[in-house]
C-alpha atoms as a PDB file:
ATOM      1  CA  MET A   1      -0.119  -0.442  -0.273  1.00  0.00           C
ATOM      2  CA  ALA A   2       1.074   3.933  -0.771  1.00  0.00           C
ATOM      3  CA  LEU A   3       2.505   5.857   1.459  1.00  0.00           C
ATOM      4  CA  TYR A   4      -0.357   8.641   0.615  1.00  0.00           C
ATOM      5  CA  LYS A   5      -3.073   5.775   0.657  1.00  0.00           C
ATOM      6  CA  TYR A   6      -2.201   5.440   3.643  1.00  0.00           C
ATOM      7  CA  ILE A   7      -3.303   8.645   5.356  1.00  0.00           C
ATOM      8  CA  ARG A   8      -6.617   8.267   3.383  1.00  0.00           C
ATOM      9  CA  ASN A   9      -7.305   5.827   5.390  1.00  0.00           C
ATOM     10  CA  GLN A  10      -5.822   7.174   8.272  1.00  0.00           C
ATOM     11  CA  TRP A  11      -7.835  10.599   8.001  1.00  0.00           C
ATOM     12  CA  LYS A  12     -10.968   8.141   7.384  1.00  0.00           C
ATOM     13  CA  ASN A  13     -11.041   6.670   9.687  1.00  0.00           C
ATOM     14  CA  PRO A  14      -9.007   8.121  12.999  1.00  0.00           C
ATOM     15  CA  THR A  15      -7.594   6.722  15.932  1.00  0.00           C
ATOM     16  CA  ASP A  16      -8.798   7.973  19.247  1.00  0.00           C
ATOM     17  CA  GLU A  17      -5.154   9.639  19.558  1.00  0.00           C
ATOM     18  CA  VAL A  18      -5.672  11.384  16.450  1.00  0.00           C
ATOM     19  CA  ASN A  19      -8.780  12.487  17.702  1.00  0.00           C
ATOM     20  CA  GLN A  20      -7.377  13.687  20.643  1.00  0.00           C
ATOM     21  CA  LEU A  21      -4.992  15.313  18.723  1.00  0.00           C
ATOM     22  CA  TRP A  22      -7.424  17.424  16.458  1.00  0.00           C
ATOM     23  CA  ARG A  23      -9.545  18.717  19.508  1.00  0.00           C
ATOM     24  CA  GLN A  24      -6.093  20.251  20.523  1.00  0.00           C
ATOM     25  CA  ARG A  25      -5.947  21.774  16.968  1.00  0.00           C
ATOM     26  CA  LEU A  26      -8.909  23.714  16.933  1.00  0.00           C
ATOM     27  CA  ILE A  27      -8.848  25.283  20.622  1.00  0.00           C
ATOM     28  CA  GLN A  28      -5.814  26.533  18.717  1.00  0.00           C
ATOM     29  CA  TRP A  29      -6.969  27.130  15.503  1.00  0.00           C
ATOM     30  CA  ARG A  30     -10.070  29.163  17.157  1.00  0.00           C
ATOM     31  CA  HIS A  31      -7.750  31.375  18.845  1.00  0.00           C
ATOM     32  CA  GLU A  32      -5.705  32.386  15.570  1.00  0.00           C
ATOM     33  CA  ASN A  33      -6.206  34.956  13.107  1.00  0.00           C
ATOM     34  CA  SER A  34      -9.025  34.146   9.888  1.00  0.00           C
ATOM     35  CA  THR A  35      -6.436  33.574   7.650  1.00  0.00           C
ATOM     36  CA  VAL A  36      -3.034  32.080   8.303  1.00  0.00           C
ATOM     37  CA  ARG A  37      -0.068  30.572   6.225  1.00  0.00           C
ATOM     38  CA  VAL A  38       0.965  27.338   7.360  1.00  0.00           C
ATOM     39  CA  GLU A  39       4.203  25.881   5.865  1.00  0.00           C
ATOM     40  CA  TYR A  40       3.111  22.594   4.531  1.00  0.00           C
ATOM     41  CA  PRO A  41      -0.209  20.850   4.005  1.00  0.00           C
ATOM     42  CA  THR A  42      -2.270  19.071   6.438  1.00  0.00           C
ATOM     43  CA  ARG A  43      -3.661  16.682   4.076  1.00  0.00           C
ATOM     44  CA  LEU A  44      -0.800  15.837   2.200  1.00  0.00           C
ATOM     45  CA  ASP A  45      -2.595  13.079  -0.258  1.00  0.00           C
ATOM     46  CA  ARG A  46      -5.327  15.105  -0.490  1.00  0.00           C
ATOM     47  CA  ALA A  47      -3.276  18.436  -1.570  1.00  0.00           C
ATOM     48  CA  ARG A  48      -1.101  16.334  -3.789  1.00  0.00           C
ATOM     49  CA  SER A  49      -4.109  14.925  -6.138  1.00  0.00           C
ATOM     50  CA  LEU A  50      -4.913  18.319  -6.333  1.00  0.00           C
ATOM     51  CA  GLY A  51      -2.405  19.377  -8.088  1.00  0.00           C
ATOM     52  CA  TYR A  52       0.204  20.913  -4.827  1.00  0.00           C
ATOM     53  CA  ARG A  53       3.676  20.191  -5.507  1.00  0.00           C
ATOM     54  CA  SER A  54       6.496  20.552  -2.770  1.00  0.00           C
ATOM     55  CA  LYS A  55       8.470  23.295  -4.762  1.00  0.00           C
ATOM     56  CA  GLU A  56       9.044  26.841  -5.301  1.00  0.00           C
ATOM     57  CA  GLY A  57       5.661  29.112  -5.833  1.00  0.00           C
ATOM     58  CA  PHE A  58       3.513  27.034  -4.122  1.00  0.00           C
ATOM     59  CA  ILE A  59       1.588  27.941  -1.052  1.00  0.00           C
ATOM     60  CA  ILE A  60      -0.434  27.004   1.514  1.00  0.00           C
ATOM     61  CA  ILE A  61      -3.139  28.876   3.323  1.00  0.00           C
ATOM     62  CA  ARG A  62      -5.376  27.490   6.293  1.00  0.00           C
ATOM     63  CA  GLN A  63      -9.167  30.070   5.772  1.00  0.00           C
ATOM     64  CA  ARG A  64     -11.474  30.236   8.485  1.00  0.00           C
ATOM     65  CA  VAL A  65     -15.482  30.779   7.068  1.00  0.00           C
ATOM     66  CA  LEU A  66     -17.908  31.390   9.595  1.00  0.00           C
ATOM     67  CA  ARG A  67     -20.601  28.273   9.659  1.00  0.00           C
ATOM     68  CA  GLY A  68     -24.644  29.119   9.469  1.00  0.00           C
ATOM     69  CA  GLY A  69     -27.161  31.428   7.481  1.00  0.00           C
ATOM     70  CA  HIS A  70     -25.558  33.835   5.354  1.00  0.00           C
ATOM     71  CA  LYS A  71     -27.117  37.214   6.830  1.00  0.00           C
ATOM     72  CA  ARG A  72     -27.864  40.092   5.151  1.00  0.00           C
ATOM     73  CA  PRO A  73     -26.191  43.976   6.355  1.00  0.00           C
ATOM     74  CA  LYS A  74     -27.904  45.412   9.217  1.00  0.00           C
ATOM     75  CA  ILE A  75     -30.917  48.159   8.298  1.00  0.00           C
ATOM     76  CA  VAL A  76     -28.811  51.627   7.961  1.00  0.00           C
ATOM     77  CA  ALA A  77     -31.198  53.700   6.377  1.00  0.00           C
ATOM     78  CA  GLY A  78     -35.035  52.982   4.382  1.00  0.00           C
ATOM     79  CA  ARG A  79     -37.734  50.999   6.348  1.00  0.00           C
ATOM     80  CA  ARG A  80     -39.418  48.961   2.917  1.00  0.00           C
ATOM     81  CA  PRO A  81     -40.193  45.516   3.123  1.00  0.00           C
ATOM     82  CA  LYS A  82     -37.184  44.553   0.611  1.00  0.00           C
ATOM     83  CA  HIS A  83     -34.598  45.310   3.193  1.00  0.00           C
ATOM     84  CA  PHE A  84     -36.431  42.998   6.208  1.00  0.00           C
ATOM     85  CA  HIS A  85     -35.089  40.078   5.050  1.00  0.00           C
ATOM     86  CA  HIS A  86     -32.788  38.532   7.687  1.00  0.00           C
ATOM     87  CA  TYR A  87     -30.898  35.655   5.838  1.00  0.00           C
ATOM     88  CA  LEU A  88     -29.811  35.328   2.349  1.00  0.00           C
ATOM     89  CA  ALA A  89     -29.816  32.220   0.709  1.00  0.00           C
ATOM     90  CA  LEU A  90     -26.489  31.872  -1.294  1.00  0.00           C
ATOM     91  CA  LYS A  91     -25.892  29.356  -4.037  1.00  0.00           C
ATOM     92  CA  LYS A  92     -22.397  28.763  -3.296  1.00  0.00           C
ATOM     93  CA  SER A  93     -20.732  26.707  -0.862  1.00  0.00           C
ATOM     94  CA  TYR A  94     -18.288  27.625   2.277  1.00  0.00           C
ATOM     95  CA  GLN A  95     -15.418  26.277   0.734  1.00  0.00           C
ATOM     96  CA  VAL A  96     -15.711  28.597  -2.887  1.00  0.00           C
ATOM     97  CA  ILE A  97     -16.074  31.543  -0.090  1.00  0.00           C
ATOM     98  CA  ALA A  98     -13.115  30.422   1.234  1.00  0.00           C
ATOM     99  CA  GLU A  99     -11.295  30.420  -1.755  1.00  0.00           C
ATOM    100  CA  GLU A 100     -12.666  33.800  -2.546  1.00  0.00           C
ATOM    101  CA  ARG A 101     -11.429  35.654   0.505  1.00  0.00           C
ATOM    102  CA  VAL A 102      -7.812  34.346   0.273  1.00  0.00           C
ATOM    103  CA  GLN A 103      -7.800  35.443  -3.349  1.00  0.00           C
ATOM    104  CA  THR A 104      -9.185  39.272  -2.423  1.00  0.00           C
ATOM    105  CA  LYS A 105      -6.073  38.720  -0.030  1.00  0.00           C
ATOM    106  CA  TYR A 106      -3.427  37.540  -2.182  1.00  0.00           C
ATOM    107  CA  THR A 107      -3.784  39.516  -5.216  1.00  0.00           C
ATOM    108  CA  ASN A 108      -0.420  38.574  -6.555  1.00  0.00           C
ATOM    109  CA  LEU A 109      -1.524  34.876  -5.959  1.00  0.00           C
ATOM    110  CA  VAL A 110      -3.608  32.609  -7.664  1.00  0.00           C
ATOM    111  CA  VAL A 111      -6.067  30.030  -6.697  1.00  0.00           C
ATOM    112  CA  LEU A 112      -4.753  26.040  -7.737  1.00  0.00           C
ATOM    113  CA  ASN A 113      -7.700  24.491  -5.548  1.00  0.00           C
ATOM    114  CA  SER A 114      -8.874  23.983  -1.902  1.00  0.00           C
ATOM    115  CA  TYR A 115     -10.064  21.144   0.634  1.00  0.00           C
ATOM    116  CA  TYR A 116     -11.943  20.390   3.205  1.00  0.00           C
ATOM    117  CA  LEU A 117     -10.118  20.479   6.852  1.00  0.00           C
ATOM    118  CA  ALA A 118     -12.353  20.708  10.103  1.00  0.00           C
ATOM    119  CA  ALA A 119     -15.561  22.162  11.165  1.00  0.00           C
ATOM    120  CA  ASP A 120     -16.230  22.868  14.599  1.00  0.00           C
ATOM    121  CA  GLY A 121     -20.321  24.186  15.904  1.00  0.00           C
ATOM    122  CA  ARG A 122     -19.307  27.611  14.598  1.00  0.00           C
ATOM    123  CA  HIS A 123     -16.285  27.602  12.093  1.00  0.00           C
ATOM    124  CA  LYS A 124     -14.941  25.333   9.415  1.00  0.00           C
ATOM    125  CA  TRP A 125     -11.750  25.768   7.972  1.00  0.00           C
ATOM    126  CA  TYR A 126     -10.048  24.818   4.553  1.00  0.00           C
ATOM    127  CA  GLU A 127      -6.771  25.299   3.375  1.00  0.00           C
ATOM    128  CA  ILE A 128      -6.225  27.173  -0.215  1.00  0.00           C
ATOM    129  CA  ILE A 129      -3.733  26.329  -2.678  1.00  0.00           C
ATOM    130  CA  LEU A 130      -2.192  29.050  -4.270  1.00  0.00           C
ATOM    131  CA  VAL A 131       0.369  29.250  -6.813  1.00  0.00           C
ATOM    132  CA  ASP A 132       2.932  32.608  -7.698  1.00  0.00           C
ATOM    133  CA  PRO A 133       1.912  32.858 -11.416  1.00  0.00           C
ATOM    134  CA  GLU A 134       5.412  35.001 -11.975  1.00  0.00           C
ATOM    135  CA  ASN A 135       8.169  32.105 -10.245  1.00  0.00           C
ATOM    136  CA  PRO A 136      10.449  30.915 -12.655  1.00  0.00           C
ATOM    137  CA  SER A 137       9.612  27.855 -11.695  1.00  0.00           C
ATOM    138  CA  ILE A 138       6.359  27.813 -12.212  1.00  0.00           C
ATOM    139  CA  LYS A 139       6.733  29.488 -15.616  1.00  0.00           C
ATOM    140  CA  SER A 140       8.878  27.052 -16.720  1.00  0.00           C
ATOM    141  CA  ASP A 141       7.110  23.757 -15.366  1.00  0.00           C
ATOM    142  CA  HIS A 142       4.461  22.444 -18.946  1.00  0.00           C
ATOM    143  CA  ARG A 143       2.047  21.427 -16.179  1.00  0.00           C
ATOM    144  CA  ILE A 144       1.341  24.320 -14.213  1.00  0.00           C
ATOM    145  CA  LYS A 145       2.705  26.717 -15.932  1.00  0.00           C
ATOM    146  CA  TRP A 146      -1.101  27.573 -17.637  1.00  0.00           C
ATOM    147  CA  ILE A 147      -2.372  28.801 -14.982  1.00  0.00           C
ATOM    148  CA  CYS A 148      -0.542  31.849 -15.443  1.00  0.00           C
ATOM    149  CA  ASP A 149      -2.837  32.903 -18.299  1.00  0.00           C
ATOM    150  CA  ASN A 150      -6.034  32.277 -15.687  1.00  0.00           C
ATOM    151  CA  ARG A 151      -5.883  34.591 -12.699  1.00  0.00           C
ATOM    152  CA  SER A 152      -9.186  35.350 -11.899  1.00  0.00           C
ATOM    153  CA  ARG A 153     -10.243  31.502 -12.025  1.00  0.00           C
ATOM    154  CA  VAL A 154     -11.897  31.504  -8.581  1.00  0.00           C
ATOM    155  CA  PHE A 155     -14.199  34.414  -9.108  1.00  0.00           C
ATOM    156  CA  HIS A 156     -15.690  32.389 -12.476  1.00  0.00           C
ATOM    157  CA  GLY A 157     -15.869  29.450 -10.656  1.00  0.00           C
ATOM    158  CA  LYS A 158     -12.846  26.979 -12.273  1.00  0.00           C
ATOM    159  CA  THR A 159     -11.732  25.481  -8.768  1.00  0.00           C
ATOM    160  CA  HIS A 160     -12.666  22.054  -7.896  1.00  0.00           C
ATOM    161  CA  ALA A 161     -15.405  23.643  -5.630  1.00  0.00           C
ATOM    162  CA  GLY A 162     -16.711  26.396  -7.884  1.00  0.00           C
ATOM    163  CA  ARG A 163     -17.323  23.263 -10.768  1.00  0.00           C
ATOM    164  CA  LYS A 164     -19.056  21.359  -8.193  1.00  0.00           C
ATOM    165  CA  SER A 165     -21.701  24.461  -7.002  1.00  0.00           C
ATOM    166  CA  ARG A 166     -22.270  24.911 -11.031  1.00  0.00           C
ATOM    167  CA  GLY A 167     -23.532  21.772 -11.399  1.00  0.00           C
ATOM    168  CA  LEU A 168     -20.393  20.303 -13.798  1.00  0.00           C
ATOM    169  CA  ARG A 169     -19.159  17.392 -11.976  1.00  0.00           C
ATOM    170  CA  GLY A 170     -20.526  15.220 -14.112  1.00  0.00           C
ATOM    171  CA  LYS A 171     -21.714  14.431 -17.803  1.00  0.00           C
ATOM    172  CA  GLY A 172     -24.076  12.847 -20.144  1.00  0.00           C
ATOM    173  CA  LYS A 173     -27.444  11.920 -19.047  1.00  0.00           C
ATOM    174  CA  GLY A 174     -28.888  14.147 -16.563  1.00  0.00           C
ATOM    175  CA  PHE A 175     -26.521  16.968 -17.441  1.00  0.00           C
ATOM    176  CA  GLU A 176     -27.451  18.586 -20.368  1.00  0.00           C
ATOM    177  CA  LYS A 177     -28.318  21.377 -18.945  1.00  0.00           C
ATOM    178  CA  ALA A 178     -25.699  22.644 -17.107  1.00  0.00           C
ATOM    179  CA  ARG A 179     -23.550  23.852 -19.815  1.00  0.00           C
ATOM    180  CA  PRO A 180     -22.733  26.088 -20.337  1.00  0.00           C
ATOM    181  CA  SER A 181     -23.821  27.652 -17.400  1.00  0.00           C
ATOM    182  CA  ARG A 182     -27.346  26.901 -15.839  1.00  0.00           C
ATOM    183  CA  SER A 183     -28.448  30.616 -15.957  1.00  0.00           C
ATOM    184  CA  ALA A 184     -27.719  30.711 -19.731  1.00  0.00           C
ATOM    185  CA  ASN A 185     -29.290  27.387 -20.838  1.00  0.00           C
ATOM    186  CA  LYS A 186     -32.476  28.593 -19.453  1.00  0.00           C
ATOM    187  CA  GLU A 187     -32.142  31.938 -21.116  1.00  0.00           C
ATOM    188  CA  ARG A 188     -31.804  29.999 -24.251  1.00  0.00           C
ATOM    189  CA  ARG A 189     -34.992  27.762 -23.583  1.00  0.00           C
ATOM    190  CA  ASN A 190     -37.013  31.162 -22.784  1.00  0.00           C
ATOM    191  CA  LYS A 191     -35.548  33.080 -25.573  1.00  0.00           C
ATOM    192  CA  VAL A 192     -38.270  34.786 -27.838  1.00  0.00           C
ATOM    193  CA  ILE A 193     -38.154  33.772 -31.459  1.00  0.00           C
ATOM    194  CA  ARG A 194     -39.259  36.695 -33.637  1.00  0.00           C
ATOM    195  CA  PRO A 195     -40.636  35.987 -37.183  1.00  0.00           C
ATOM    196  CA  ARG A 196     -38.160  37.280 -39.703  1.00  0.00           C
ATOM    197  CA  GLY A 197     -40.525  39.884 -41.070  1.00  0.00           C
ATOM    198  CA  LEU A 198     -41.196  41.256 -37.998  1.00  0.00           C
ATOM    199  CA  MET A 199     -36.985  41.941 -37.344  1.00  0.00           C
ATOM    200  CA  ASN A 200     -37.359  45.792 -38.476  1.00  0.00           C
ATOM    201  CA  LEU A 201     -40.910  46.616 -37.514  1.00  0.00           C
END
């Protein structure tokens, strides 16, 4: 059995010692900032499967996201009924929100992918894999140099978590309306086709 398979099995079926270690880690992480740079990935098997390599140009960030309903801002002015909605139902996952926050903070880097790390009753933690597109070792690597021309891929939903939120994880039967996007497909189906003779009226 390979090393990464051992790590994956240990993550899926943790022992009592591992659970106790994670409780201590969560206690420590709660007192840290929301965005923390780490030296090595906590889940090496998952990071490697998502494109991480131990070389110059790859950076790991641990991001904390608040769980619960996504509340609207407090009413500042006006008392119209549209201002009294307390919750905003987002179609984004917590993972996509974490990626966007990291990309907003590190504007000179590009988010490659991310993976789930831990959760408690109030927060969720994710680790984000960032790539420096200006690093010479990244530009010379034919496996990763494509990311130099895709700097805003997070906000276009092109990461692993973003594609899942957009419904692009499958192909074929059942996914006929998922491409190019669900909104574009809906607009195409609801488009009104006018007769040719009435085009100039």
